[in-house]
N, C-alpha and C. Protein backbone atom coordinates (compact mmCIF):
# COMPACT_ATOMS: atom_id res chain seq x y z
N MET A 1 -17.19 -13.04 17.72
CA MET A 1 -15.84 -13.11 17.19
C MET A 1 -14.97 -13.87 18.19
N ASP A 2 -14.27 -14.87 17.73
CA ASP A 2 -13.42 -15.63 18.64
C ASP A 2 -12.00 -15.04 18.67
N ALA A 3 -11.17 -15.58 19.55
CA ALA A 3 -9.82 -15.05 19.75
C ALA A 3 -8.98 -15.15 18.47
N ARG A 4 -9.16 -16.21 17.70
CA ARG A 4 -8.40 -16.39 16.46
C ARG A 4 -8.72 -15.27 15.46
N GLU A 5 -10.01 -14.97 15.30
CA GLU A 5 -10.40 -13.92 14.37
C GLU A 5 -9.89 -12.56 14.83
N LEU A 6 -9.95 -12.31 16.13
CA LEU A 6 -9.41 -11.04 16.64
C LEU A 6 -7.92 -10.93 16.35
N ALA A 7 -7.19 -12.01 16.59
CA ALA A 7 -5.75 -12.01 16.31
C ALA A 7 -5.50 -11.79 14.82
N ASP A 8 -6.28 -12.44 13.96
CA ASP A 8 -6.13 -12.27 12.51
C ASP A 8 -6.38 -10.82 12.11
N ARG A 9 -7.42 -10.21 12.67
CA ARG A 9 -7.74 -8.82 12.34
C ARG A 9 -6.60 -7.89 12.76
N LEU A 10 -6.02 -8.12 13.92
CA LEU A 10 -4.89 -7.29 14.36
C LEU A 10 -3.68 -7.48 13.45
N GLU A 11 -3.42 -8.72 13.06
CA GLU A 11 -2.28 -8.99 12.18
C GLU A 11 -2.48 -8.35 10.82
N ILE A 12 -3.70 -8.37 10.31
CA ILE A 12 -3.98 -7.76 9.01
C ILE A 12 -3.85 -6.24 9.10
N ALA A 13 -4.32 -5.64 10.18
CA ALA A 13 -4.14 -4.19 10.37
C ALA A 13 -2.65 -3.84 10.40
N ASP A 14 -1.85 -4.69 11.05
CA ASP A 14 -0.41 -4.47 11.09
C ASP A 14 0.20 -4.61 9.70
N LEU A 15 -0.27 -5.55 8.91
CA LEU A 15 0.20 -5.73 7.53
C LEU A 15 -0.03 -4.46 6.72
N LEU A 16 -1.22 -3.87 6.85
CA LEU A 16 -1.53 -2.63 6.13
C LEU A 16 -0.61 -1.50 6.58
N ALA A 17 -0.33 -1.42 7.86
CA ALA A 17 0.58 -0.39 8.37
C ALA A 17 2.00 -0.62 7.85
N ARG A 18 2.44 -1.88 7.79
CA ARG A 18 3.78 -2.17 7.28
C ARG A 18 3.89 -1.81 5.80
N TYR A 19 2.81 -1.99 5.06
CA TYR A 19 2.80 -1.60 3.65
C TYR A 19 3.06 -0.09 3.52
N THR A 20 2.28 0.70 4.24
CA THR A 20 2.44 2.15 4.10
C THR A 20 3.81 2.60 4.60
N ARG A 21 4.31 2.00 5.66
CA ARG A 21 5.62 2.38 6.18
C ARG A 21 6.72 2.05 5.17
N ALA A 22 6.62 0.91 4.51
CA ALA A 22 7.62 0.54 3.50
C ALA A 22 7.63 1.56 2.36
N VAL A 23 6.44 1.93 1.88
CA VAL A 23 6.35 2.89 0.77
C VAL A 23 6.82 4.27 1.22
N ASP A 24 6.36 4.72 2.37
CA ASP A 24 6.72 6.07 2.83
C ASP A 24 8.20 6.21 3.16
N SER A 25 8.81 5.15 3.64
CA SER A 25 10.23 5.21 4.01
C SER A 25 11.16 4.89 2.84
N GLY A 26 10.61 4.34 1.75
CA GLY A 26 11.46 3.93 0.63
C GLY A 26 12.26 2.67 0.92
N ARG A 27 11.83 1.90 1.89
CA ARG A 27 12.50 0.63 2.20
C ARG A 27 11.77 -0.48 1.45
N TRP A 28 12.08 -0.54 0.16
CA TRP A 28 11.33 -1.41 -0.74
C TRP A 28 11.45 -2.87 -0.38
N GLU A 29 12.57 -3.28 0.20
CA GLU A 29 12.74 -4.67 0.60
C GLU A 29 11.71 -5.09 1.64
N ARG A 30 11.18 -4.12 2.39
CA ARG A 30 10.15 -4.41 3.40
C ARG A 30 8.84 -4.86 2.77
N LEU A 31 8.65 -4.58 1.49
CA LEU A 31 7.44 -5.05 0.81
C LEU A 31 7.43 -6.57 0.70
N ASP A 32 8.60 -7.21 0.84
CA ASP A 32 8.67 -8.67 0.85
C ASP A 32 7.95 -9.24 2.07
N GLU A 33 7.79 -8.44 3.12
CA GLU A 33 7.07 -8.85 4.33
C GLU A 33 5.57 -8.60 4.21
N VAL A 34 5.16 -7.98 3.13
CA VAL A 34 3.75 -7.65 2.90
C VAL A 34 3.15 -8.53 1.81
N PHE A 35 3.91 -8.73 0.72
CA PHE A 35 3.40 -9.44 -0.45
C PHE A 35 4.07 -10.80 -0.61
N THR A 36 3.31 -11.77 -1.12
CA THR A 36 3.90 -13.05 -1.47
C THR A 36 4.81 -12.84 -2.68
N GLU A 37 5.67 -13.79 -2.91
CA GLU A 37 6.61 -13.69 -4.03
C GLU A 37 5.89 -13.61 -5.37
N ASP A 38 4.74 -14.26 -5.47
CA ASP A 38 3.99 -14.28 -6.73
C ASP A 38 2.84 -13.27 -6.76
N ALA A 39 2.85 -12.31 -5.87
CA ALA A 39 1.76 -11.32 -5.80
C ALA A 39 1.65 -10.50 -7.08
N VAL A 40 0.44 -10.04 -7.35
CA VAL A 40 0.17 -9.11 -8.44
C VAL A 40 -0.29 -7.81 -7.80
N ILE A 41 0.36 -6.71 -8.19
CA ILE A 41 0.09 -5.40 -7.62
C ILE A 41 -0.31 -4.48 -8.76
N ASP A 42 -1.46 -3.83 -8.59
CA ASP A 42 -2.04 -3.06 -9.69
C ASP A 42 -2.29 -1.62 -9.25
N TYR A 43 -1.45 -0.72 -9.76
CA TYR A 43 -1.59 0.71 -9.52
C TYR A 43 -2.12 1.43 -10.76
N SER A 44 -2.72 0.71 -11.69
CA SER A 44 -3.10 1.32 -12.97
C SER A 44 -4.15 2.41 -12.81
N SER A 45 -5.00 2.37 -11.80
CA SER A 45 -6.00 3.44 -11.64
C SER A 45 -5.35 4.77 -11.30
N ALA A 46 -4.11 4.73 -10.82
CA ALA A 46 -3.36 5.94 -10.51
C ALA A 46 -2.36 6.28 -11.60
N GLY A 47 -2.44 5.58 -12.73
CA GLY A 47 -1.50 5.82 -13.82
C GLY A 47 -0.22 5.04 -13.68
N GLY A 48 -0.20 4.08 -12.76
CA GLY A 48 1.01 3.30 -12.50
C GLY A 48 1.01 1.97 -13.22
N VAL A 49 1.86 1.10 -12.73
CA VAL A 49 2.05 -0.21 -13.35
C VAL A 49 1.16 -1.26 -12.70
N ARG A 50 1.04 -2.35 -13.40
CA ARG A 50 0.46 -3.58 -12.87
C ARG A 50 1.50 -4.65 -13.11
N GLY A 51 1.94 -5.30 -12.04
CA GLY A 51 2.97 -6.31 -12.23
C GLY A 51 3.24 -7.10 -10.98
N GLY A 52 4.33 -7.85 -11.05
CA GLY A 52 4.76 -8.67 -9.93
C GLY A 52 5.49 -7.84 -8.88
N ARG A 53 5.74 -8.46 -7.76
CA ARG A 53 6.35 -7.77 -6.61
C ARG A 53 7.67 -7.10 -6.98
N GLU A 54 8.56 -7.80 -7.62
CA GLU A 54 9.87 -7.22 -7.93
C GLU A 54 9.76 -6.08 -8.94
N GLU A 55 8.92 -6.25 -9.95
CA GLU A 55 8.71 -5.20 -10.95
C GLU A 55 8.15 -3.94 -10.30
N VAL A 56 7.19 -4.12 -9.41
CA VAL A 56 6.55 -2.98 -8.76
C VAL A 56 7.51 -2.30 -7.79
N LYS A 57 8.32 -3.06 -7.09
CA LYS A 57 9.31 -2.45 -6.19
C LYS A 57 10.27 -1.57 -6.99
N ALA A 58 10.72 -2.04 -8.12
CA ALA A 58 11.63 -1.24 -8.96
C ALA A 58 10.94 0.01 -9.48
N TRP A 59 9.69 -0.12 -9.89
CA TRP A 59 8.93 1.03 -10.38
C TRP A 59 8.72 2.07 -9.27
N LEU A 60 8.33 1.63 -8.09
CA LEU A 60 8.14 2.56 -6.96
C LEU A 60 9.44 3.30 -6.65
N ALA A 61 10.55 2.57 -6.62
CA ALA A 61 11.84 3.19 -6.32
C ALA A 61 12.20 4.27 -7.33
N GLU A 62 11.86 4.04 -8.58
CA GLU A 62 12.16 5.02 -9.63
C GLU A 62 11.22 6.22 -9.56
N VAL A 63 9.93 5.97 -9.48
CA VAL A 63 8.93 7.03 -9.57
C VAL A 63 8.89 7.89 -8.31
N LEU A 64 8.97 7.28 -7.16
CA LEU A 64 8.76 8.03 -5.92
C LEU A 64 9.98 8.83 -5.47
N THR A 65 11.09 8.73 -6.18
CA THR A 65 12.24 9.59 -5.85
C THR A 65 11.90 11.06 -6.06
N HIS A 66 10.92 11.35 -6.90
CA HIS A 66 10.50 12.73 -7.16
C HIS A 66 9.74 13.33 -5.99
N TRP A 67 9.25 12.48 -5.10
CA TRP A 67 8.49 12.94 -3.93
C TRP A 67 9.07 12.28 -2.68
N PRO A 68 10.16 12.82 -2.17
CA PRO A 68 10.79 12.20 -1.00
C PRO A 68 9.95 12.32 0.28
N GLY A 69 9.03 13.30 0.32
CA GLY A 69 8.12 13.41 1.46
C GLY A 69 6.85 12.65 1.14
N ARG A 70 6.65 11.52 1.84
CA ARG A 70 5.49 10.68 1.56
C ARG A 70 4.79 10.31 2.87
N LEU A 71 3.47 10.34 2.84
CA LEU A 71 2.69 9.92 4.00
C LEU A 71 1.38 9.32 3.53
N HIS A 72 1.20 8.05 3.84
CA HIS A 72 -0.04 7.34 3.54
C HIS A 72 -0.77 7.08 4.85
N LEU A 73 -2.05 7.36 4.88
CA LEU A 73 -2.88 7.07 6.04
C LEU A 73 -3.94 6.06 5.62
N ILE A 74 -4.09 5.03 6.42
CA ILE A 74 -5.05 3.96 6.14
C ILE A 74 -6.20 4.08 7.13
N GLY A 75 -7.42 4.01 6.60
CA GLY A 75 -8.61 4.02 7.45
C GLY A 75 -8.96 2.60 7.89
N ALA A 76 -10.07 2.50 8.59
CA ALA A 76 -10.52 1.20 9.10
C ALA A 76 -10.82 0.25 7.96
N PRO A 77 -10.16 -0.91 7.95
CA PRO A 77 -10.38 -1.86 6.86
C PRO A 77 -11.65 -2.67 7.06
N VAL A 78 -12.26 -3.04 5.94
CA VAL A 78 -13.34 -4.02 5.94
C VAL A 78 -12.67 -5.35 5.59
N ILE A 79 -12.81 -6.33 6.47
CA ILE A 79 -12.13 -7.61 6.31
C ILE A 79 -13.18 -8.71 6.23
N ASP A 80 -13.15 -9.47 5.14
CA ASP A 80 -14.04 -10.61 4.96
C ASP A 80 -13.20 -11.87 4.84
N PHE A 81 -13.38 -12.78 5.80
CA PHE A 81 -12.62 -14.02 5.80
C PHE A 81 -13.34 -15.09 5.00
N GLY A 82 -12.56 -15.79 4.18
CA GLY A 82 -13.07 -16.97 3.49
C GLY A 82 -12.72 -18.18 4.33
N GLY A 83 -13.31 -19.29 4.06
CA GLY A 83 -13.00 -20.49 4.82
C GLY A 83 -11.78 -21.21 4.30
N ASP A 84 -11.08 -20.60 3.37
CA ASP A 84 -9.97 -21.26 2.69
C ASP A 84 -8.61 -20.67 3.03
N GLY A 85 -8.50 -20.00 4.18
CA GLY A 85 -7.23 -19.38 4.55
C GLY A 85 -6.95 -18.11 3.80
N GLU A 86 -8.00 -17.52 3.21
CA GLU A 86 -7.86 -16.26 2.50
C GLU A 86 -8.79 -15.22 3.11
N ALA A 87 -8.49 -13.98 2.82
CA ALA A 87 -9.33 -12.88 3.28
C ALA A 87 -9.32 -11.80 2.20
N ARG A 88 -10.42 -11.12 2.10
CA ARG A 88 -10.54 -9.95 1.23
C ARG A 88 -10.57 -8.73 2.13
N VAL A 89 -9.76 -7.74 1.78
CA VAL A 89 -9.64 -6.54 2.60
C VAL A 89 -9.79 -5.32 1.71
N SER A 90 -10.63 -4.40 2.11
CA SER A 90 -10.74 -3.10 1.45
C SER A 90 -10.51 -2.05 2.52
N ALA A 91 -9.53 -1.19 2.27
CA ALA A 91 -9.17 -0.17 3.25
C ALA A 91 -9.07 1.19 2.56
N PRO A 92 -9.76 2.19 3.10
CA PRO A 92 -9.63 3.52 2.52
C PRO A 92 -8.25 4.10 2.83
N PHE A 93 -7.77 4.95 1.93
CA PHE A 93 -6.47 5.59 2.17
C PHE A 93 -6.50 7.02 1.67
N THR A 94 -5.62 7.81 2.25
CA THR A 94 -5.25 9.10 1.69
C THR A 94 -3.73 9.11 1.65
N ASP A 95 -3.20 9.85 0.70
CA ASP A 95 -1.74 9.97 0.63
C ASP A 95 -1.36 11.39 0.28
N THR A 96 -0.17 11.75 0.72
CA THR A 96 0.44 13.02 0.37
C THR A 96 1.83 12.70 -0.16
N LEU A 97 2.14 13.23 -1.32
CA LEU A 97 3.46 13.10 -1.90
C LEU A 97 3.99 14.52 -2.06
N ALA A 98 5.17 14.76 -1.50
CA ALA A 98 5.70 16.12 -1.48
C ALA A 98 7.14 16.13 -1.96
N PRO A 99 7.53 17.23 -2.63
CA PRO A 99 8.93 17.39 -3.04
C PRO A 99 9.79 17.64 -1.80
N SER A 100 11.08 17.68 -1.99
CA SER A 100 12.00 17.89 -0.87
C SER A 100 11.82 19.28 -0.26
N ARG A 101 12.32 19.47 0.94
CA ARG A 101 12.25 20.78 1.61
C ARG A 101 12.95 21.86 0.79
N GLU A 102 14.06 21.48 0.19
CA GLU A 102 14.80 22.44 -0.61
C GLU A 102 13.98 22.88 -1.83
N MET A 103 13.29 21.94 -2.42
CA MET A 103 12.46 22.27 -3.58
C MET A 103 11.27 23.14 -3.16
N VAL A 104 10.69 22.84 -2.02
CA VAL A 104 9.57 23.65 -1.52
C VAL A 104 10.05 25.07 -1.23
N ALA A 105 11.20 25.19 -0.58
CA ALA A 105 11.75 26.51 -0.26
C ALA A 105 12.02 27.33 -1.51
N ALA A 106 12.34 26.64 -2.61
CA ALA A 106 12.60 27.33 -3.87
C ALA A 106 11.31 27.60 -4.65
N GLY A 107 10.18 27.26 -4.05
CA GLY A 107 8.90 27.53 -4.71
C GLY A 107 8.49 26.50 -5.74
N THR A 108 9.10 25.33 -5.70
CA THR A 108 8.77 24.28 -6.65
C THR A 108 7.39 23.70 -6.36
N ALA A 109 6.59 23.57 -7.40
CA ALA A 109 5.30 22.90 -7.25
C ALA A 109 5.53 21.40 -7.20
N GLY A 110 4.53 20.69 -6.80
CA GLY A 110 4.67 19.25 -6.86
C GLY A 110 4.00 18.49 -5.74
N PHE A 111 3.21 19.17 -4.91
CA PHE A 111 2.47 18.45 -3.89
C PHE A 111 1.33 17.69 -4.55
N LEU A 112 1.21 16.42 -4.22
CA LEU A 112 0.10 15.61 -4.69
C LEU A 112 -0.64 15.08 -3.47
N HIS A 113 -1.95 15.17 -3.51
CA HIS A 113 -2.80 14.60 -2.47
C HIS A 113 -3.80 13.71 -3.16
N GLY A 114 -4.06 12.58 -2.58
CA GLY A 114 -5.02 11.68 -3.21
C GLY A 114 -5.64 10.74 -2.21
N GLY A 115 -6.52 9.93 -2.71
CA GLY A 115 -7.17 8.96 -1.85
C GLY A 115 -7.99 7.97 -2.64
N GLY A 116 -8.45 6.98 -1.94
CA GLY A 116 -9.26 5.94 -2.56
C GLY A 116 -9.30 4.72 -1.68
N TRP A 117 -9.19 3.57 -2.31
CA TRP A 117 -9.28 2.29 -1.61
C TRP A 117 -8.15 1.37 -2.05
N TYR A 118 -7.61 0.65 -1.09
CA TYR A 118 -6.71 -0.46 -1.38
C TYR A 118 -7.53 -1.73 -1.20
N HIS A 119 -7.56 -2.56 -2.23
CA HIS A 119 -8.26 -3.83 -2.19
C HIS A 119 -7.21 -4.94 -2.22
N HIS A 120 -7.12 -5.66 -1.13
CA HIS A 120 -6.16 -6.77 -1.02
C HIS A 120 -6.89 -8.11 -1.01
N ARG A 121 -6.24 -9.08 -1.61
CA ARG A 121 -6.61 -10.48 -1.39
C ARG A 121 -5.45 -11.08 -0.62
N LEU A 122 -5.74 -11.53 0.59
CA LEU A 122 -4.69 -12.01 1.48
C LEU A 122 -4.76 -13.52 1.63
N ARG A 123 -3.61 -14.10 1.95
CA ARG A 123 -3.51 -15.54 2.20
C ARG A 123 -2.73 -15.73 3.50
N ARG A 124 -3.22 -16.66 4.30
CA ARG A 124 -2.47 -17.04 5.50
C ARG A 124 -1.31 -17.93 5.06
N THR A 125 -0.09 -17.54 5.42
CA THR A 125 1.12 -18.30 5.06
C THR A 125 1.81 -18.72 6.35
N PRO A 126 2.83 -19.57 6.26
CA PRO A 126 3.59 -19.91 7.46
C PRO A 126 4.21 -18.69 8.15
N ASP A 127 4.41 -17.61 7.40
CA ASP A 127 4.98 -16.38 7.96
C ASP A 127 3.90 -15.37 8.37
N GLY A 128 2.64 -15.78 8.33
CA GLY A 128 1.54 -14.88 8.68
C GLY A 128 0.78 -14.46 7.44
N TRP A 129 -0.12 -13.52 7.60
CA TRP A 129 -0.92 -13.04 6.48
C TRP A 129 -0.05 -12.27 5.50
N ARG A 130 -0.24 -12.55 4.20
CA ARG A 130 0.47 -11.85 3.14
C ARG A 130 -0.52 -11.53 2.02
N SER A 131 -0.25 -10.45 1.31
CA SER A 131 -1.09 -10.05 0.19
C SER A 131 -0.64 -10.78 -1.07
N VAL A 132 -1.61 -11.42 -1.72
CA VAL A 132 -1.33 -12.07 -3.01
C VAL A 132 -1.80 -11.19 -4.15
N GLU A 133 -2.61 -10.18 -3.81
CA GLU A 133 -3.07 -9.24 -4.83
C GLU A 133 -3.45 -7.92 -4.17
N LEU A 134 -3.00 -6.84 -4.78
CA LEU A 134 -3.40 -5.50 -4.37
C LEU A 134 -3.88 -4.76 -5.60
N VAL A 135 -5.07 -4.20 -5.50
CA VAL A 135 -5.59 -3.33 -6.55
C VAL A 135 -5.89 -1.99 -5.89
N GLU A 136 -5.20 -0.96 -6.35
CA GLU A 136 -5.48 0.38 -5.85
C GLU A 136 -6.62 0.97 -6.66
N GLU A 137 -7.61 1.46 -5.97
CA GLU A 137 -8.74 2.15 -6.61
C GLU A 137 -8.62 3.64 -6.22
N GLN A 138 -7.95 4.38 -7.07
CA GLN A 138 -7.78 5.81 -6.78
C GLN A 138 -9.07 6.54 -7.08
N SER A 139 -9.60 7.23 -6.07
CA SER A 139 -10.87 7.93 -6.22
C SER A 139 -10.67 9.40 -6.58
N TRP A 140 -9.59 9.99 -6.12
CA TRP A 140 -9.35 11.42 -6.38
C TRP A 140 -7.87 11.72 -6.25
N ARG A 141 -7.46 12.82 -6.91
CA ARG A 141 -6.06 13.28 -6.85
C ARG A 141 -6.07 14.77 -7.11
N THR A 142 -5.34 15.51 -6.31
CA THR A 142 -5.15 16.94 -6.56
C THR A 142 -3.65 17.21 -6.62
N ALA A 143 -3.28 18.24 -7.33
CA ALA A 143 -1.87 18.62 -7.46
C ALA A 143 -1.77 20.12 -7.33
N ARG A 144 -0.67 20.55 -6.73
CA ARG A 144 -0.38 21.98 -6.69
C ARG A 144 1.10 22.20 -6.70
């Protein structure tokens, strides 16, 4: 592995971390630093939408207000570089979606735990690596 590939791998790992931080913090504008303007994002395996970046940002903002406590953990990604300035990335994830503290104190149900794989197709851009496609492969989900 040469220095360029090592740097690319670190940048891609940072991209995955920025994705989870944007979703967990509700800072939807930060997804512009993760996805290209023409990206396609597919959450249909989890019962969500498949659409463009702006459509998905609006959907996340609406749906995730029900779970203000959010934490996504990303495992070690498998990264395959193409010779065309693109990379395929598959990274395992787990997530926890939780209602507010006040709702929990009142005995409200609503904890969701899940996991699966995030499959990204990335492109090297002048601003660094960006996702042009994300397909979530939800493997499991529990609720209580």
